[in-house]
Amino acid sequence: GWQGKDLMHDKDAPVRVLNYYVQYGPGIIVQGAGGAKDRGGVGTTLTGIVHFTPRAESHKGFCHGGSMCSLLDDVIGWVAFLVTGECRPWTGFTVQINSSLKRPIPVDSILLVKARI
């Protein structure tokens, strides 16, 4: 398997996800090898604490837009991993990201990100 450093979760990452917290929604009932699951799907929320370090700087004092898009990719990926009601990392991949960034993020910011199904 993959042996490199994680782009968003490594201690030395320019944009570092310090932690994710999951609140599963009542969502769906999934029949699987482990039996029925009655969580996940609609109502599932992923909340994360993210540090945009000075290493993510592009324009003086602000983070690079690509680092912001990398975070969006990571958050959306983790939501997809959780949609079935069990965490199944590395079960998908990003094909394309199109974004319209609304405002810059100052370097050394710590932000709360939240995604909801």
Protein backbone atom coordinates (compact mmCIF):
# COMPACT_ATOMS: atom_id res chain seq x y z
CA GLY A 1 0.00 0.00 0.00
CA TRP A 2 0.79 3.67 0.08
CA GLN A 3 3.91 4.58 2.08
CA GLY A 4 4.14 8.39 1.71
CA LYS A 5 3.16 11.20 4.06
CA ASP A 6 -0.47 12.20 4.27
CA LEU A 7 -1.04 15.58 2.63
CA MET A 8 -3.57 16.85 5.20
CA HIS A 9 -3.03 14.83 8.37
CA ASP A 10 0.75 14.63 8.75
CA LYS A 11 2.26 16.73 11.56
CA ASP A 12 4.39 18.59 8.99
CA ALA A 13 1.59 19.26 6.47
CA PRO A 14 1.17 22.92 5.37
CA VAL A 15 -2.57 22.56 5.96
CA ARG A 16 -3.14 20.14 8.80
CA VAL A 17 -6.40 18.53 9.83
CA LEU A 18 -5.89 18.23 13.58
CA ASN A 19 -8.92 15.99 14.04
CA TYR A 20 -12.23 14.97 12.53
CA TYR A 21 -15.34 14.23 14.56
CA VAL A 22 -18.27 12.24 13.18
CA GLN A 23 -21.91 12.43 14.17
CA TYR A 24 -23.76 9.72 12.25
CA GLY A 25 -27.27 10.48 11.12
CA PRO A 26 -30.14 8.03 11.58
CA GLY A 27 -29.94 7.76 7.79
CA ILE A 28 -30.09 4.36 6.24
CA ILE A 29 -30.23 0.71 7.09
CA VAL A 30 -27.38 -1.16 5.45
CA GLN A 31 -27.27 -4.95 5.26
CA GLY A 32 -23.69 -6.13 5.10
CA ALA A 33 -21.37 -8.89 6.22
CA GLY A 34 -21.38 -7.40 9.73
CA GLY A 35 -25.19 -7.27 9.91
CA ALA A 36 -27.58 -4.34 9.62
CA LYS A 37 -26.40 -0.79 10.29
CA ASP A 38 -28.91 1.92 11.09
CA ARG A 39 -26.67 4.95 10.85
CA GLY A 40 -24.99 7.02 8.19
CA GLY A 41 -26.48 8.64 5.15
CA VAL A 42 -28.63 11.76 5.49
CA GLY A 43 -27.94 13.65 8.68
CA THR A 44 -24.33 12.48 9.06
CA THR A 45 -22.02 15.37 9.97
CA LEU A 46 -18.23 15.56 9.77
CA THR A 47 -16.59 18.37 11.77
CA GLY A 48 -12.88 19.10 11.64
CA ILE A 49 -10.30 21.39 13.19
CA VAL A 50 -7.81 22.63 10.59
CA HIS A 51 -4.59 24.63 10.92
CA PHE A 52 -3.43 26.59 7.85
CA THR A 53 0.27 26.92 8.75
CA PRO A 54 2.66 29.57 7.40
CA ARG A 55 3.98 26.89 4.98
CA ALA A 56 0.66 27.18 3.09
CA GLU A 57 1.39 30.84 2.25
CA SER A 58 1.09 32.06 -1.34
CA HIS A 59 0.45 35.81 -1.45
CA LYS A 60 1.93 37.64 1.53
CA GLY A 61 -0.04 36.64 4.59
CA PHE A 62 -2.60 34.45 2.80
CA CYS A 63 -2.90 30.75 2.06
CA HIS A 64 -2.54 29.30 -1.42
CA GLY A 65 -5.87 28.52 -3.11
CA GLY A 66 -4.66 25.01 -3.90
CA SER A 67 -4.25 24.30 -0.19
CA MET A 68 -7.84 25.39 0.37
CA CYS A 69 -9.01 23.08 -2.44
CA SER A 70 -6.97 20.22 -0.96
CA LEU A 71 -8.89 20.64 2.28
CA LEU A 72 -12.22 20.61 0.41
CA ASP A 73 -11.14 17.41 -1.34
CA ASP A 74 -10.20 15.79 1.97
CA VAL A 75 -13.46 16.75 3.68
CA ILE A 76 -15.61 15.56 0.78
CA GLY A 77 -13.60 12.32 0.62
CA TRP A 78 -14.10 11.59 4.31
CA VAL A 79 -17.83 12.29 4.03
CA ALA A 80 -17.95 9.73 1.22
CA PHE A 81 -16.04 7.23 3.39
CA LEU A 82 -18.70 7.68 6.12
CA VAL A 83 -21.87 7.63 4.00
CA THR A 84 -22.53 3.91 4.51
CA GLY A 85 -22.53 4.17 8.31
CA GLU A 86 -19.07 2.69 8.77
CA CYS A 87 -15.78 4.43 8.10
CA ARG A 88 -14.27 2.90 4.96
CA PRO A 89 -11.15 4.94 4.09
CA TRP A 90 -9.55 4.75 0.65
CA THR A 91 -12.69 3.40 -1.01
CA GLY A 92 -12.80 6.14 -3.65
CA PHE A 93 -10.85 8.89 -5.34
CA THR A 94 -11.25 12.41 -6.69
CA VAL A 95 -11.62 12.80 -10.44
CA GLN A 96 -12.03 16.56 -10.68
CA ILE A 97 -12.51 19.63 -8.47
CA ASN A 98 -14.04 22.89 -9.69
CA SER A 99 -14.18 25.67 -7.15
CA SER A 100 -14.85 29.35 -6.75
CA LEU A 101 -13.06 30.55 -3.64
CA LYS A 102 -14.89 33.43 -1.93
CA ARG A 103 -12.23 34.97 0.33
CA PRO A 104 -8.63 34.37 1.38
CA ILE A 105 -7.57 32.55 4.52
CA PRO A 106 -4.83 34.28 6.55
CA VAL A 107 -1.81 32.08 7.30
CA ASP A 108 -1.64 30.54 10.78
CA SER A 109 -5.45 30.39 10.97
CA ILE A 110 -7.23 27.61 12.81
CA LEU A 111 -10.66 26.95 11.31
CA LEU A 112 -13.61 24.71 12.01
CA VAL A 113 -14.90 22.90 8.92
CA LYS A 114 -18.24 21.14 8.78
CA ALA A 115 -19.79 18.92 6.13
CA ARG A 116 -23.26 17.43 6.29
CA ILE A 117 -25.01 14.82 4.18
